[in-house]
Amino acid sequence: GLIRYVTEHSQIPVIQHFKGVCHLFIDKFADINKAVNIL
């Protein structure tokens, strides 16, 4: 909410980072132990 407010009201360039929707993809060739630990 803060970042969107700043972006919408600024007359100055803004560094934006609205949110972090980070994905983990476990491929069919994954090492299972690594995959579980990383998750």
PDB file of all heavy atoms in Angstrom:
ATOM      1  N   GLY A   1       0.814  -1.208   0.000  1.00  0.00           N
ATOM      2  CA  GLY A   1       0.000   0.000   0.000  1.00  0.00           C
ATOM      3  C   GLY A   1       0.853   1.266   0.000  1.00  0.00           C
ATOM      4  O   GLY A   1       0.581   2.213  -0.746  1.00  0.00           O
ATOM      5  N   LEU A   2       1.907   1.284   0.830  1.00  0.00           N
ATOM      6  CA  LEU A   2       2.798   2.438   0.876  1.00  0.00           C
ATOM      7  C   LEU A   2       3.486   2.646  -0.467  1.00  0.00           C
ATOM      8  O   LEU A   2       3.555   3.770  -0.989  1.00  0.00           O
ATOM      9  CB  LEU A   2       3.850   2.251   1.973  1.00  0.00           C
ATOM     10  CG  LEU A   2       4.992   3.285   1.983  1.00  0.00           C
ATOM     11  CD1 LEU A   2       4.464   4.659   2.368  1.00  0.00           C
ATOM     12  CD2 LEU A   2       6.115   2.862   2.903  1.00  0.00           C
ATOM     13  N   ILE A   3       3.991   1.558  -1.038  1.00  0.00           N
ATOM     14  CA  ILE A   3       4.754   1.678  -2.282  1.00  0.00           C
ATOM     15  C   ILE A   3       3.859   2.139  -3.428  1.00  0.00           C
ATOM     16  O   ILE A   3       4.253   2.976  -4.256  1.00  0.00           O
ATOM     17  CB  ILE A   3       5.453   0.344  -2.606  1.00  0.00           C
ATOM     18  CG1 ILE A   3       6.495   0.039  -1.516  1.00  0.00           C
ATOM     19  CG2 ILE A   3       6.128   0.404  -3.976  1.00  0.00           C
ATOM     20  CD1 ILE A   3       7.071  -1.341  -1.546  1.00  0.00           C
ATOM     21  N   ARG A   4       2.634   1.629  -3.478  1.00  0.00           N
ATOM     22  CA  ARG A   4       1.714   2.083  -4.529  1.00  0.00           C
ATOM     23  C   ARG A   4       1.351   3.559  -4.325  1.00  0.00           C
ATOM     24  O   ARG A   4       1.246   4.313  -5.302  1.00  0.00           O
ATOM     25  CB  ARG A   4       0.460   1.204  -4.557  1.00  0.00           C
ATOM     26  CG  ARG A   4       0.737  -0.202  -5.068  1.00  0.00           C
ATOM     27  CD  ARG A   4      -0.509  -0.938  -5.512  1.00  0.00           C
ATOM     28  NE  ARG A   4      -0.176  -2.278  -5.965  1.00  0.00           N
ATOM     29  CZ  ARG A   4       0.294  -2.559  -7.185  1.00  0.00           C
ATOM     30  NH1 ARG A   4       0.476  -1.580  -8.063  1.00  0.00           N
ATOM     31  NH2 ARG A   4       0.570  -3.804  -7.523  1.00  0.00           N
ATOM     32  N   TYR A   5       1.160   3.961  -3.085  1.00  0.00           N
ATOM     33  CA  TYR A   5       0.844   5.365  -2.806  1.00  0.00           C
ATOM     34  C   TYR A   5       1.981   6.266  -3.289  1.00  0.00           C
ATOM     35  O   TYR A   5       1.749   7.290  -3.950  1.00  0.00           O
ATOM     36  CB  TYR A   5       0.604   5.572  -1.314  1.00  0.00           C
ATOM     37  CG  TYR A   5       0.305   7.009  -0.955  1.00  0.00           C
ATOM     38  CD1 TYR A   5      -1.000   7.491  -0.981  1.00  0.00           C
ATOM     39  CD2 TYR A   5       1.330   7.887  -0.602  1.00  0.00           C
ATOM     40  CE1 TYR A   5      -1.274   8.816  -0.666  1.00  0.00           C
ATOM     41  CE2 TYR A   5       1.058   9.207  -0.293  1.00  0.00           C
ATOM     42  CZ  TYR A   5      -0.243   9.664  -0.329  1.00  0.00           C
ATOM     43  OH  TYR A   5      -0.507  10.976  -0.030  1.00  0.00           O
ATOM     44  N   VAL A   6       3.213   5.903  -2.950  1.00  0.00           N
ATOM     45  CA  VAL A   6       4.372   6.706  -3.358  1.00  0.00           C
ATOM     46  C   VAL A   6       4.479   6.759  -4.876  1.00  0.00           C
ATOM     47  O   VAL A   6       4.702   7.827  -5.470  1.00  0.00           O
ATOM     48  CB  VAL A   6       5.661   6.137  -2.730  1.00  0.00           C
ATOM     49  CG1 VAL A   6       6.893   6.792  -3.339  1.00  0.00           C
ATOM     50  CG2 VAL A   6       5.654   6.335  -1.216  1.00  0.00           C
ATOM     51  N   THR A   7       4.307   5.611  -5.526  1.00  0.00           N
ATOM     52  CA  THR A   7       4.413   5.551  -6.984  1.00  0.00           C
ATOM     53  C   THR A   7       3.369   6.426  -7.662  1.00  0.00           C
ATOM     54  O   THR A   7       3.661   7.139  -8.630  1.00  0.00           O
ATOM     55  CB  THR A   7       4.261   4.090  -7.457  1.00  0.00           C
ATOM     56  OG1 THR A   7       5.280   3.290  -6.846  1.00  0.00           O
ATOM     57  CG2 THR A   7       4.398   3.990  -8.974  1.00  0.00           C
ATOM     58  N   GLU A   8       2.156   6.392  -7.146  1.00  0.00           N
ATOM     59  CA  GLU A   8       1.058   7.140  -7.771  1.00  0.00           C
ATOM     60  C   GLU A   8       1.180   8.650  -7.563  1.00  0.00           C
ATOM     61  O   GLU A   8       0.692   9.429  -8.382  1.00  0.00           O
ATOM     62  CB  GLU A   8      -0.280   6.644  -7.201  1.00  0.00           C
ATOM     63  CG  GLU A   8      -0.643   5.237  -7.659  1.00  0.00           C
ATOM     64  CD  GLU A   8      -1.788   4.638  -6.860  1.00  0.00           C
ATOM     65  OE1 GLU A   8      -2.355   5.372  -6.006  1.00  0.00           O
ATOM     66  OE2 GLU A   8      -2.108   3.454  -7.075  1.00  0.00           O
ATOM     67  N   HIS A   9       1.842   9.081  -6.492  1.00  0.00           N
ATOM     68  CA  HIS A   9       1.887  10.508  -6.168  1.00  0.00           C
ATOM     69  C   HIS A   9       3.220  11.175  -6.487  1.00  0.00           C
ATOM     70  O   HIS A   9       3.330  12.399  -6.387  1.00  0.00           O
ATOM     71  CB  HIS A   9       1.559  10.720  -4.687  1.00  0.00           C
ATOM     72  CG  HIS A   9       0.126  10.474  -4.332  1.00  0.00           C
ATOM     73  ND1 HIS A   9      -0.365   9.203  -4.114  1.00  0.00           N
ATOM     74  CD2 HIS A   9      -0.925  11.314  -4.184  1.00  0.00           C
ATOM     75  CE1 HIS A   9      -1.663   9.284  -3.831  1.00  0.00           C
ATOM     76  NE2 HIS A   9      -2.022  10.548  -3.869  1.00  0.00           N
ATOM     77  N   SER A  10       4.224  10.418  -6.868  1.00  0.00           N
ATOM     78  CA  SER A  10       5.556  10.992  -7.021  1.00  0.00           C
ATOM     79  C   SER A  10       5.770  11.664  -8.373  1.00  0.00           C
ATOM     80  O   SER A  10       5.377  11.139  -9.419  1.00  0.00           O
ATOM     81  CB  SER A  10       6.627   9.913  -6.828  1.00  0.00           C
ATOM     82  OG  SER A  10       7.920  10.482  -6.919  1.00  0.00           O
ATOM     83  N   GLN A  11       6.425  12.817  -8.339  1.00  0.00           N
ATOM     84  CA  GLN A  11       6.912  13.481  -9.543  1.00  0.00           C
ATOM     85  C   GLN A  11       8.388  13.166  -9.793  1.00  0.00           C
ATOM     86  O   GLN A  11       8.998  13.703 -10.707  1.00  0.00           O
ATOM     87  CB  GLN A  11       6.713  14.994  -9.420  1.00  0.00           C
ATOM     88  CG  GLN A  11       5.258  15.424  -9.283  1.00  0.00           C
ATOM     89  CD  GLN A  11       5.102  16.925  -9.136  1.00  0.00           C
ATOM     90  OE1 GLN A  11       6.051  17.689  -9.361  1.00  0.00           O
ATOM     91  NE2 GLN A  11       3.905  17.377  -8.763  1.00  0.00           N
ATOM     92  N   ILE A  12       8.923  12.279  -8.964  1.00  0.00           N
ATOM     93  CA  ILE A  12      10.339  11.899  -8.993  1.00  0.00           C
ATOM     94  C   ILE A  12      10.408  10.408  -9.315  1.00  0.00           C
ATOM     95  O   ILE A  12       9.525   9.648  -8.921  1.00  0.00           O
ATOM     96  CB  ILE A  12      10.976  12.163  -7.612  1.00  0.00           C
ATOM     97  CG1 ILE A  12      10.722  13.615  -7.168  1.00  0.00           C
ATOM     98  CG2 ILE A  12      12.473  11.866  -7.613  1.00  0.00           C
ATOM     99  CD1 ILE A  12      10.923  13.842  -5.682  1.00  0.00           C
ATOM    100  N   PRO A  13      11.442   9.947 -10.041  1.00  0.00           N
ATOM    101  CA  PRO A  13      11.569   8.504 -10.275  1.00  0.00           C
ATOM    102  C   PRO A  13      11.540   7.706  -8.972  1.00  0.00           C
ATOM    103  O   PRO A  13      12.145   8.106  -7.974  1.00  0.00           O
ATOM    104  CB  PRO A  13      12.931   8.373 -10.969  1.00  0.00           C
ATOM    105  CG  PRO A  13      13.122   9.696 -11.649  1.00  0.00           C
ATOM    106  CD  PRO A  13      12.489  10.712 -10.730  1.00  0.00           C
ATOM    107  N   VAL A  14      10.819   6.567  -8.995  1.00  0.00           N
ATOM    108  CA  VAL A  14      10.627   5.742  -7.801  1.00  0.00           C
ATOM    109  C   VAL A  14      11.148   4.331  -8.058  1.00  0.00           C
ATOM    110  O   VAL A  14      10.857   3.730  -9.096  1.00  0.00           O
ATOM    111  CB  VAL A  14       9.129   5.657  -7.418  1.00  0.00           C
ATOM    112  CG1 VAL A  14       8.932   4.739  -6.210  1.00  0.00           C
ATOM    113  CG2 VAL A  14       8.565   7.036  -7.137  1.00  0.00           C
ATOM    114  N   ILE A  15      11.923   3.815  -7.119  1.00  0.00           N
ATOM    115  CA  ILE A  15      12.301   2.406  -7.150  1.00  0.00           C
ATOM    116  C   ILE A  15      11.136   1.615  -6.573  1.00  0.00           C
ATOM    117  O   ILE A  15      10.742   1.814  -5.423  1.00  0.00           O
ATOM    118  CB  ILE A  15      13.579   2.149  -6.319  1.00  0.00           C
ATOM    119  CG1 ILE A  15      14.795   2.775  -7.005  1.00  0.00           C
ATOM    120  CG2 ILE A  15      13.791   0.654  -6.117  1.00  0.00           C
ATOM    121  CD1 ILE A  15      15.175   2.145  -8.337  1.00  0.00           C
ATOM    122  N   GLN A  16      10.584   0.706  -7.367  1.00  0.00           N
ATOM    123  CA  GLN A  16       9.371  -0.005  -6.970  1.00  0.00           C
ATOM    124  C   GLN A  16       9.669  -1.455  -6.601  1.00  0.00           C
ATOM    125  O   GLN A  16      10.478  -2.116  -7.241  1.00  0.00           O
ATOM    126  CB  GLN A  16       8.348   0.022  -8.108  1.00  0.00           C
ATOM    127  CG  GLN A  16       7.918   1.421  -8.505  1.00  0.00           C
ATOM    128  CD  GLN A  16       7.155   1.444  -9.814  1.00  0.00           C
ATOM    129  OE1 GLN A  16       7.081   0.453 -10.523  1.00  0.00           O
ATOM    130  NE2 GLN A  16       6.587   2.598 -10.143  1.00  0.00           N
ATOM    131  N   HIS A  17       9.010  -1.891  -5.557  1.00  0.00           N
ATOM    132  CA  HIS A  17       9.022  -3.305  -5.178  1.00  0.00           C
ATOM    133  C   HIS A  17       7.706  -3.553  -4.462  1.00  0.00           C
ATOM    134  O   HIS A  17       7.605  -3.416  -3.246  1.00  0.00           O
ATOM    135  CB  HIS A  17      10.211  -3.624  -4.272  1.00  0.00           C
ATOM    136  CG  HIS A  17      10.069  -4.934  -3.564  1.00  0.00           C
ATOM    137  ND1 HIS A  17      10.394  -5.101  -2.237  1.00  0.00           N
ATOM    138  CD2 HIS A  17       9.601  -6.133  -3.980  1.00  0.00           C
ATOM    139  CE1 HIS A  17      10.136  -6.345  -1.871  1.00  0.00           C
ATOM    140  NE2 HIS A  17       9.649  -6.984  -2.903  1.00  0.00           N
ATOM    141  N   PHE A  18       6.664  -3.860  -5.243  1.00  0.00           N
ATOM    142  CA  PHE A  18       5.329  -3.966  -4.674  1.00  0.00           C
ATOM    143  C   PHE A  18       5.180  -5.179  -3.764  1.00  0.00           C
ATOM    144  O   PHE A  18       4.645  -5.091  -2.672  1.00  0.00           O
ATOM    145  CB  PHE A  18       4.283  -4.024  -5.793  1.00  0.00           C
ATOM    146  CG  PHE A  18       4.206  -2.752  -6.590  1.00  0.00           C
ATOM    147  CD1 PHE A  18       4.485  -2.754  -7.941  1.00  0.00           C
ATOM    148  CD2 PHE A  18       3.880  -1.556  -5.986  1.00  0.00           C
ATOM    149  CE1 PHE A  18       4.425  -1.578  -8.679  1.00  0.00           C
ATOM    150  CE2 PHE A  18       3.813  -0.377  -6.702  1.00  0.00           C
ATOM    151  CZ  PHE A  18       4.087  -0.384  -8.069  1.00  0.00           C
ATOM    152  N   LYS A  19       5.651  -6.335  -4.208  1.00  0.00           N
ATOM    153  CA  LYS A  19       5.557  -7.532  -3.384  1.00  0.00           C
ATOM    154  C   LYS A  19       6.478  -8.609  -3.939  1.00  0.00           C
ATOM    155  O   LYS A  19       7.026  -8.471  -5.034  1.00  0.00           O
ATOM    156  CB  LYS A  19       4.115  -8.049  -3.314  1.00  0.00           C
ATOM    157  CG  LYS A  19       3.483  -8.397  -4.654  1.00  0.00           C
ATOM    158  CD  LYS A  19       2.030  -8.828  -4.449  1.00  0.00           C
ATOM    159  CE  LYS A  19       1.353  -9.177  -5.773  1.00  0.00           C
ATOM    160  NZ  LYS A  19      -0.044  -9.618  -5.573  1.00  0.00           N
ATOM    161  N   GLY A  20       6.645  -9.663  -3.155  1.00  0.00           N
ATOM    162  CA  GLY A  20       7.508 -10.762  -3.576  1.00  0.00           C
ATOM    163  C   GLY A  20       6.724 -12.063  -3.659  1.00  0.00           C
ATOM    164  O   GLY A  20       6.566 -12.748  -2.646  1.00  0.00           O
ATOM    165  N   VAL A  21       6.198 -12.371  -4.842  1.00  0.00           N
ATOM    166  CA  VAL A  21       5.553 -13.681  -5.053  1.00  0.00           C
ATOM    167  C   VAL A  21       6.622 -14.589  -5.668  1.00  0.00           C
ATOM    168  O   VAL A  21       6.794 -14.649  -6.884  1.00  0.00           O
ATOM    169  CB  VAL A  21       4.322 -13.563  -5.969  1.00  0.00           C
ATOM    170  CG1 VAL A  21       3.661 -14.932  -6.143  1.00  0.00           C
ATOM    171  CG2 VAL A  21       3.321 -12.571  -5.405  1.00  0.00           C
ATOM    172  N   CYS A  22       7.372 -15.265  -4.805  1.00  0.00           N
ATOM    173  CA  CYS A  22       8.518 -16.063  -5.239  1.00  0.00           C
ATOM    174  C   CYS A  22       8.083 -17.506  -5.506  1.00  0.00           C
ATOM    175  O   CYS A  22       7.392 -18.114  -4.684  1.00  0.00           O
ATOM    176  CB  CYS A  22       9.614 -16.033  -4.180  1.00  0.00           C
ATOM    177  SG  CYS A  22      10.196 -14.366  -3.789  1.00  0.00           S
ATOM    178  N   HIS A  23       8.501 -18.028  -6.650  1.00  0.00           N
ATOM    179  CA  HIS A  23       8.116 -19.376  -7.080  1.00  0.00           C
ATOM    180  C   HIS A  23       9.268 -20.363  -6.943  1.00  0.00           C
ATOM    181  O   HIS A  23      10.425 -20.013  -7.179  1.00  0.00           O
ATOM    182  CB  HIS A  23       7.684 -19.364  -8.547  1.00  0.00           C
ATOM    183  CG  HIS A  23       6.456 -18.543  -8.827  1.00  0.00           C
ATOM    184  ND1 HIS A  23       6.503 -17.180  -8.990  1.00  0.00           N
ATOM    185  CD2 HIS A  23       5.153 -18.907  -8.969  1.00  0.00           C
ATOM    186  CE1 HIS A  23       5.272 -16.727  -9.230  1.00  0.00           C
ATOM    187  NE2 HIS A  23       4.447 -17.754  -9.212  1.00  0.00           N
ATOM    188  N   LEU A  24       8.921 -21.599  -6.618  1.00  0.00           N
ATOM    189  CA  LEU A  24       9.856 -22.729  -6.643  1.00  0.00           C
ATOM    190  C   LEU A  24       9.297 -23.773  -7.588  1.00  0.00           C
ATOM    191  O   LEU A  24       8.179 -24.265  -7.380  1.00  0.00           O
ATOM    192  CB  LEU A  24      10.034 -23.323  -5.245  1.00  0.00           C
ATOM    193  CG  LEU A  24      10.807 -24.651  -5.155  1.00  0.00           C
ATOM    194  CD1 LEU A  24      12.243 -24.478  -5.632  1.00  0.00           C
ATOM    195  CD2 LEU A  24      10.771 -25.196  -3.725  1.00  0.00           C
ATOM    196  N   PHE A  25      10.061 -24.107  -8.634  1.00  0.00           N
ATOM    197  CA  PHE A  25       9.648 -25.138  -9.589  1.00  0.00           C
ATOM    198  C   PHE A  25      10.501 -26.387  -9.385  1.00  0.00           C
ATOM    199  O   PHE A  25      11.721 -26.346  -9.513  1.00  0.00           O
ATOM    200  CB  PHE A  25       9.786 -24.634 -11.022  1.00  0.00           C
ATOM    201  CG  PHE A  25       9.583 -25.701 -12.068  1.00  0.00           C
ATOM    202  CD1 PHE A  25       8.523 -26.602 -11.997  1.00  0.00           C
ATOM    203  CD2 PHE A  25      10.467 -25.809 -13.141  1.00  0.00           C
ATOM    204  CE1 PHE A  25       8.340 -27.589 -12.956  1.00  0.00           C
ATOM    205  CE2 PHE A  25      10.288 -26.797 -14.113  1.00  0.00           C
ATOM    206  CZ  PHE A  25       9.224 -27.688 -14.016  1.00  0.00           C
ATOM    207  N   ILE A  26       9.833 -27.502  -9.047  1.00  0.00           N
ATOM    208  CA  ILE A  26      10.509 -28.781  -8.905  1.00  0.00           C
ATOM    209  C   ILE A  26      10.377 -29.525 -10.231  1.00  0.00           C
ATOM    210  O   ILE A  26       9.307 -30.030 -10.585  1.00  0.00           O
ATOM    211  CB  ILE A  26       9.908 -29.622  -7.758  1.00  0.00           C
ATOM    212  CG1 ILE A  26       9.822 -28.791  -6.458  1.00  0.00           C
ATOM    213  CG2 ILE A  26      10.728 -30.892  -7.543  1.00  0.00           C
ATOM    214  CD1 ILE A  26      11.137 -28.259  -5.965  1.00  0.00           C
ATOM    215  N   ASP A  27      11.469 -29.556 -10.981  1.00  0.00           N
ATOM    216  CA  ASP A  27      11.488 -30.179 -12.299  1.00  0.00           C
ATOM    217  C   ASP A  27      11.482 -31.708 -12.165  1.00  0.00           C
ATOM    218  O   ASP A  27      11.815 -32.251 -11.104  1.00  0.00           O
ATOM    219  CB  ASP A  27      12.734 -29.711 -13.050  1.00  0.00           C
ATOM    220  CG  ASP A  27      12.790 -30.231 -14.473  1.00  0.00           C
ATOM    221  OD1 ASP A  27      11.735 -30.273 -15.135  1.00  0.00           O
ATOM    222  OD2 ASP A  27      13.896 -30.600 -14.923  1.00  0.00           O
ATOM    223  N   LYS A  28      11.136 -32.401 -13.232  1.00  0.00           N
ATOM    224  CA  LYS A  28      11.102 -33.869 -13.180  1.00  0.00           C
ATOM    225  C   LYS A  28      12.494 -34.470 -13.005  1.00  0.00           C
ATOM    226  O   LYS A  28      12.628 -35.639 -12.614  1.00  0.00           O
ATOM    227  CB  LYS A  28      10.426 -34.437 -14.421  1.00  0.00           C
ATOM    228  CG  LYS A  28      11.171 -34.254 -15.735  1.00  0.00           C
ATOM    229  CD  LYS A  28      10.399 -34.920 -16.866  1.00  0.00           C
ATOM    230  CE  LYS A  28      11.086 -34.771 -18.211  1.00  0.00           C
ATOM    231  NZ  LYS A  28      10.334 -35.450 -19.293  1.00  0.00           N
ATOM    232  N   PHE A  29      13.534 -33.680 -13.268  1.00  0.00           N
ATOM    233  CA  PHE A  29      14.902 -34.156 -13.091  1.00  0.00           C
ATOM    234  C   PHE A  29      15.525 -33.620 -11.794  1.00  0.00           C
ATOM    235  O   PHE A  29      16.744 -33.534 -11.660  1.00  0.00           O
ATOM    236  CB  PHE A  29      15.770 -33.747 -14.288  1.00  0.00           C
ATOM    237  CG  PHE A  29      15.319 -34.346 -15.590  1.00  0.00           C
ATOM    238  CD1 PHE A  29      14.791 -33.551 -16.591  1.00  0.00           C
ATOM    239  CD2 PHE A  29      15.405 -35.720 -15.806  1.00  0.00           C
ATOM    240  CE1 PHE A  29      14.373 -34.102 -17.793  1.00  0.00           C
ATOM    241  CE2 PHE A  29      14.979 -36.282 -16.995  1.00  0.00           C
ATOM    242  CZ  PHE A  29      14.455 -35.475 -17.993  1.00  0.00           C
ATOM    243  N   ALA A  30      14.693 -33.264 -10.839  1.00  0.00           N
ATOM    244  CA  ALA A  30      15.190 -32.703  -9.579  1.00  0.00           C
ATOM    245  C   ALA A  30      15.794 -33.770  -8.684  1.00  0.00           C
ATOM    246  O   ALA A  30      15.374 -34.936  -8.696  1.00  0.00           O
ATOM    247  CB  ALA A  30      14.048 -32.008  -8.830  1.00  0.00           C
ATOM    248  N   ASP A  31      16.782 -33.363  -7.889  1.00  0.00           N
ATOM    249  CA  ASP A  31      17.284 -34.179  -6.787  1.00  0.00           C
ATOM    250  C   ASP A  31      16.286 -33.993  -5.638  1.00  0.00           C
ATOM    251  O   ASP A  31      16.098 -32.875  -5.137  1.00  0.00           O
ATOM    252  CB  ASP A  31      18.675 -33.704  -6.388  1.00  0.00           C
ATOM    253  CG  ASP A  31      19.267 -34.485  -5.221  1.00  0.00           C
ATOM    254  OD1 ASP A  31      18.640 -34.498  -4.143  1.00  0.00           O
ATOM    255  OD2 ASP A  31      20.365 -35.043  -5.375  1.00  0.00           O
ATOM    256  N   ILE A  32      15.642 -35.076  -5.205  1.00  0.00           N
ATOM    257  CA  ILE A  32      14.557 -34.987  -4.233  1.00  0.00           C
ATOM    258  C   ILE A  32      15.009 -34.380  -2.909  1.00  0.00           C
ATOM    259  O   ILE A  32      14.319 -33.526  -2.331  1.00  0.00           O
ATOM    260  CB  ILE A  32      13.922 -36.373  -3.995  1.00  0.00           C
ATOM    261  CG1 ILE A  32      13.224 -36.866  -5.270  1.00  0.00           C
ATOM    262  CG2 ILE A  32      12.923 -36.318  -2.846  1.00  0.00           C
ATOM    263  CD1 ILE A  32      12.046 -36.022  -5.677  1.00  0.00           C
ATOM    264  N   ASN A  33      16.157 -34.804  -2.416  1.00  0.00           N
ATOM    265  CA  ASN A  33      16.625 -34.276  -1.135  1.00  0.00           C
ATOM    266  C   ASN A  33      16.884 -32.773  -1.209  1.00  0.00           C
ATOM    267  O   ASN A  33      16.508 -32.016  -0.305  1.00  0.00           O
ATOM    268  CB  ASN A  33      17.905 -35.002  -0.698  1.00  0.00           C
ATOM    269  CG  ASN A  33      17.633 -36.432  -0.272  1.00  0.00           C
ATOM    270  OD1 ASN A  33      16.542 -36.741   0.230  1.00  0.00           O
ATOM    271  ND2 ASN A  33      18.605 -37.306  -0.454  1.00  0.00           N
ATOM    272  N   LYS A  34      17.524 -32.349  -2.297  1.00  0.00           N
ATOM    273  CA  LYS A  34      17.749 -30.908  -2.483  1.00  0.00           C
ATOM    274  C   LYS A  34      16.413 -30.172  -2.548  1.00  0.00           C
ATOM    275  O   LYS A  34      16.239 -29.104  -1.958  1.00  0.00           O
ATOM    276  CB  LYS A  34      18.538 -30.654  -3.771  1.00  0.00           C
ATOM    277  CG  LYS A  34      19.978 -31.113  -3.756  1.00  0.00           C
ATOM    278  CD  LYS A  34      20.631 -30.840  -5.115  1.00  0.00           C
ATOM    279  CE  LYS A  34      22.043 -31.390  -5.184  1.00  0.00           C
ATOM    280  NZ  LYS A  34      22.635 -31.217  -6.535  1.00  0.00           N
ATOM    281  N   ALA A  35      15.471 -30.749  -3.271  1.00  0.00           N
ATOM    282  CA  ALA A  35      14.179 -30.096  -3.474  1.00  0.00           C
ATOM    283  C   ALA A  35      13.442 -29.891  -2.150  1.00  0.00           C
ATOM    284  O   ALA A  35      12.888 -28.809  -1.895  1.00  0.00           O
ATOM    285  CB  ALA A  35      13.324 -30.914  -4.441  1.00  0.00           C
ATOM    286  N   VAL A  36      13.427 -30.916  -1.312  1.00  0.00           N
ATOM    287  CA  VAL A  36      12.739 -30.809  -0.015  1.00  0.00           C
ATOM    288  C   VAL A  36      13.408 -29.763   0.864  1.00  0.00           C
ATOM    289  O   VAL A  36      12.735 -28.907   1.475  1.00  0.00           O
ATOM    290  CB  VAL A  36      12.698 -32.178   0.694  1.00  0.00           C
ATOM    291  CG1 VAL A  36      12.177 -32.019   2.127  1.00  0.00           C
ATOM    292  CG2 VAL A  36      11.821 -33.151  -0.076  1.00  0.00           C
ATOM    293  N   ASN A  37      14.737 -29.798   0.931  1.00  0.00           N
ATOM    294  CA  ASN A  37      15.456 -28.840   1.776  1.00  0.00           C
ATOM    295  C   ASN A  37      15.260 -27.398   1.304  1.00  0.00           C
ATOM    296  O   ASN A  37      15.091 -26.480   2.118  1.00  0.00           O
ATOM    297  CB  ASN A  37      16.950 -29.177   1.798  1.00  0.00           C
ATOM    298  CG  ASN A  37      17.239 -30.459   2.556  1.00  0.00           C
ATOM    299  OD1 ASN A  37      16.454 -30.856   3.421  1.00  0.00           O
ATOM    300  ND2 ASN A  37      18.346 -31.107   2.243  1.00  0.00           N
ATOM    301  N   ILE A  38      15.283 -27.191  -0.012  1.00  0.00           N
ATOM    302  CA  ILE A  38      15.116 -25.846  -0.572  1.00  0.00           C
ATOM    303  C   ILE A  38      13.702 -25.341  -0.323  1.00  0.00           C
ATOM    304  O   ILE A  38      13.483 -24.161   0.001  1.00  0.00           O
ATOM    305  CB  ILE A  38      15.477 -25.843  -2.069  1.00  0.00           C
ATOM    306  CG1 ILE A  38      16.993 -25.987  -2.230  1.00  0.00           C
ATOM    307  CG2 ILE A  38      14.974 -24.579  -2.766  1.00  0.00           C
ATOM    308  CD1 ILE A  38      17.453 -26.248  -3.652  1.00  0.00           C
ATOM    309  N   LEU A  39      12.709 -26.227  -0.420  1.00  0.00           N
ATOM    310  CA  LEU A  39      11.329 -25.850  -0.128  1.00  0.00           C
ATOM    311  C   LEU A  39      11.173 -25.434   1.330  1.00  0.00           C
ATOM    312  O   LEU A  39      10.617 -24.367   1.632  1.00  0.00           O
ATOM    313  CB  LEU A  39      10.386 -27.020  -0.441  1.00  0.00           C
ATOM    314  CG  LEU A  39       8.950 -26.875   0.094  1.00  0.00           C
ATOM    315  CD1 LEU A  39       8.240 -25.695  -0.562  1.00  0.00           C
ATOM    316  CD2 LEU A  39       8.177 -28.175  -0.109  1.00  0.00           C
TER     317      LEU A  39
END
